[in-house]
Amino acid sequence: CSSEPEPLNSVTTVAELKDAFVSAGADCDAWAQGDATGKWAEFGHCGGSTGTILSTYASEVDKQSSVDGLRANGAGGQSLGGEKWLITSEAARRAARS
């Protein structure tokens, strides 16, 4: 019997965010958690063909700064965020780097 994922408004760790993401039907088979740097409190990526990055932040201000950076690079449409979390596709990361 599996446990219920955390509601997204109560997610505080990237592991909880990943569980909720997968529970919602997303593919995240090649999960790898990274070492947080910059504004991230925690992050990880799904790898494989999805290239999705899941990240949590210590504050809403830190998360908003990351969103602002994506938008400034034309990649804001490729992300989904909550108060202190963000899900970003690899397509958004490629657009941000170009």
C-alpha atoms as a PDB file:
ATOM      1  CA  CYS A   1       0.000   0.000   0.000  1.00  0.00           C
ATOM      2  CA  SER A   2       1.542   3.321  -1.043  1.00  0.00           C
ATOM      3  CA  SER A   3       1.197   6.487   0.965  1.00  0.00           C
ATOM      4  CA  GLU A   4      -0.586   9.532  -0.395  1.00  0.00           C
ATOM      5  CA  PRO A   5       1.683  12.257  -1.834  1.00  0.00           C
ATOM      6  CA  GLU A   6       1.883  15.613  -0.091  1.00  0.00           C
ATOM      7  CA  PRO A   7      -0.573  18.252  -1.333  1.00  0.00           C
ATOM      8  CA  LEU A   8       1.456  20.667  -3.460  1.00  0.00           C
ATOM      9  CA  ASN A   9       0.808  23.603  -1.124  1.00  0.00           C
ATOM     10  CA  SER A  10       2.557  21.712   1.698  1.00  0.00           C
ATOM     11  CA  VAL A  11       5.586  20.464  -0.280  1.00  0.00           C
ATOM     12  CA  THR A  12       8.835  21.411   1.474  1.00  0.00           C
ATOM     13  CA  THR A  13      11.339  18.915   0.042  1.00  0.00           C
ATOM     14  CA  VAL A  14      12.229  17.982  -3.508  1.00  0.00           C
ATOM     15  CA  ALA A  15      11.413  14.325  -2.685  1.00  0.00           C
ATOM     16  CA  GLU A  16       7.847  15.342  -1.763  1.00  0.00           C
ATOM     17  CA  LEU A  17       7.615  17.383  -4.967  1.00  0.00           C
ATOM     18  CA  LYS A  18       8.794  14.414  -7.039  1.00  0.00           C
ATOM     19  CA  ASP A  19       6.251  12.111  -5.376  1.00  0.00           C
ATOM     20  CA  ALA A  20       3.422  14.565  -6.126  1.00  0.00           C
ATOM     21  CA  PHE A  21       4.695  15.028  -9.709  1.00  0.00           C
ATOM     22  CA  VAL A  22       4.710  11.270 -10.350  1.00  0.00           C
ATOM     23  CA  SER A  23       1.360  10.831  -8.595  1.00  0.00           C
ATOM     24  CA  ALA A  24      -0.098  13.366 -11.040  1.00  0.00           C
ATOM     25  CA  GLY A  25       0.950  11.060 -13.896  1.00  0.00           C
ATOM     26  CA  ALA A  26       4.313  12.507 -14.907  1.00  0.00           C
ATOM     27  CA  ASP A  27       7.242  10.354 -16.017  1.00  0.00           C
ATOM     28  CA  CYS A  28      10.259  10.550 -13.720  1.00  0.00           C
ATOM     29  CA  ASP A  29      11.941   7.143 -13.905  1.00  0.00           C
ATOM     30  CA  ALA A  30      15.554   8.338 -14.047  1.00  0.00           C
ATOM     31  CA  TRP A  31      15.495  10.467 -10.855  1.00  0.00           C
ATOM     32  CA  ALA A  32      18.732  11.981  -9.609  1.00  0.00           C
ATOM     33  CA  GLN A  33      18.925  14.499  -6.802  1.00  0.00           C
ATOM     34  CA  GLY A  34      21.613  17.160  -7.184  1.00  0.00           C
ATOM     35  CA  ASP A  35      23.653  19.337  -4.864  1.00  0.00           C
ATOM     36  CA  ALA A  36      21.817  22.614  -4.395  1.00  0.00           C
ATOM     37  CA  THR A  37      23.589  25.775  -5.440  1.00  0.00           C
ATOM     38  CA  GLY A  38      22.415  29.320  -5.940  1.00  0.00           C
ATOM     39  CA  LYS A  39      18.833  30.002  -4.937  1.00  0.00           C
ATOM     40  CA  TRP A  40      17.722  26.344  -4.809  1.00  0.00           C
ATOM     41  CA  ALA A  41      17.178  24.754  -1.399  1.00  0.00           C
ATOM     42  CA  GLU A  42      17.042  21.348  -3.142  1.00  0.00           C
ATOM     43  CA  PHE A  43      16.747  20.153  -6.717  1.00  0.00           C
ATOM     44  CA  GLY A  44      16.721  17.022  -8.782  1.00  0.00           C
ATOM     45  CA  HIS A  45      16.062  16.004 -12.355  1.00  0.00           C
ATOM     46  CA  CYS A  46      14.071  13.278 -13.991  1.00  0.00           C
ATOM     47  CA  GLY A  47      16.637  12.620 -16.704  1.00  0.00           C
ATOM     48  CA  GLY A  48      15.716  10.482 -19.653  1.00  0.00           C
ATOM     49  CA  SER A  49      13.725  12.080 -22.434  1.00  0.00           C
ATOM     50  CA  THR A  50      11.775  14.404 -20.138  1.00  0.00           C
ATOM     51  CA  GLY A  51      14.717  16.386 -18.773  1.00  0.00           C
ATOM     52  CA  THR A  52      12.419  17.835 -16.135  1.00  0.00           C
ATOM     53  CA  ILE A  53      13.979  19.684 -13.208  1.00  0.00           C
ATOM     54  CA  LEU A  54      12.199  19.907  -9.859  1.00  0.00           C
ATOM     55  CA  SER A  55      13.395  22.452  -7.320  1.00  0.00           C
ATOM     56  CA  THR A  56      12.435  23.789  -3.913  1.00  0.00           C
ATOM     57  CA  TYR A  57      13.384  27.129  -2.390  1.00  0.00           C
ATOM     58  CA  ALA A  58      13.892  28.499   1.108  1.00  0.00           C
ATOM     59  CA  SER A  59      11.652  31.464   0.319  1.00  0.00           C
ATOM     60  CA  GLU A  60       9.075  32.617  -2.181  1.00  0.00           C
ATOM     61  CA  VAL A  61      11.459  35.479  -3.057  1.00  0.00           C
ATOM     62  CA  ASP A  62      14.165  32.974  -4.112  1.00  0.00           C
ATOM     63  CA  LYS A  63      11.650  31.032  -6.205  1.00  0.00           C
ATOM     64  CA  GLN A  64      10.349  34.207  -7.841  1.00  0.00           C
ATOM     65  CA  SER A  65      13.895  35.251  -8.708  1.00  0.00           C
ATOM     66  CA  SER A  66      14.350  31.962 -10.574  1.00  0.00           C
ATOM     67  CA  VAL A  67      11.036  32.449 -12.388  1.00  0.00           C
ATOM     68  CA  ASP A  68      12.058  35.989 -13.334  1.00  0.00           C
ATOM     69  CA  GLY A  69      15.318  34.623 -14.771  1.00  0.00           C
ATOM     70  CA  LEU A  70      13.427  32.094 -16.895  1.00  0.00           C
ATOM     71  CA  ARG A  71      11.037  34.773 -18.158  1.00  0.00           C
ATOM     72  CA  ALA A  72      13.883  37.155 -18.965  1.00  0.00           C
ATOM     73  CA  ASN A  73      15.313  34.433 -21.191  1.00  0.00           C
ATOM     74  CA  GLY A  74      11.981  33.627 -22.836  1.00  0.00           C
ATOM     75  CA  ALA A  75      11.520  30.327 -20.993  1.00  0.00           C
ATOM     76  CA  GLY A  76       8.827  31.229 -18.451  1.00  0.00           C
ATOM     77  CA  GLY A  77       6.111  29.379 -20.350  1.00  0.00           C
ATOM     78  CA  GLN A  78       7.857  26.052 -19.741  1.00  0.00           C
ATOM     79  CA  SER A  79       7.552  25.992 -15.957  1.00  0.00           C
ATOM     80  CA  LEU A  80       5.026  25.325 -13.227  1.00  0.00           C
ATOM     81  CA  GLY A  81       5.472  26.705  -9.730  1.00  0.00           C
ATOM     82  CA  GLY A  82       4.009  26.942  -6.280  1.00  0.00           C
ATOM     83  CA  GLU A  83       4.890  29.078  -3.291  1.00  0.00           C
ATOM     84  CA  LYS A  84       8.367  27.572  -2.770  1.00  0.00           C
ATOM     85  CA  TRP A  85       8.751  25.045  -5.600  1.00  0.00           C
ATOM     86  CA  LEU A  86       9.238  25.002  -9.351  1.00  0.00           C
ATOM     87  CA  ILE A  87       9.030  22.342 -12.059  1.00  0.00           C
ATOM     88  CA  THR A  88      10.920  23.246 -15.230  1.00  0.00           C
ATOM     89  CA  SER A  89      11.339  21.312 -18.468  1.00  0.00           C
ATOM     90  CA  GLU A  90      14.639  20.778 -20.251  1.00  0.00           C
ATOM     91  CA  ALA A  91      13.156  22.691 -23.185  1.00  0.00           C
ATOM     92  CA  ALA A  92      12.945  25.741 -20.923  1.00  0.00           C
ATOM     93  CA  ARG A  93      16.558  25.302 -19.839  1.00  0.00           C
ATOM     94  CA  ARG A  94      17.725  25.086 -23.476  1.00  0.00           C
ATOM     95  CA  ALA A  95      15.777  28.245 -24.338  1.00  0.00           C
ATOM     96  CA  ALA A  96      17.287  30.037 -21.330  1.00  0.00           C
ATOM     97  CA  ARG A  97      20.824  29.148 -22.478  1.00  0.00           C
ATOM     98  CA  SER A  98      20.330  30.216 -26.113  1.00  0.00           C
END
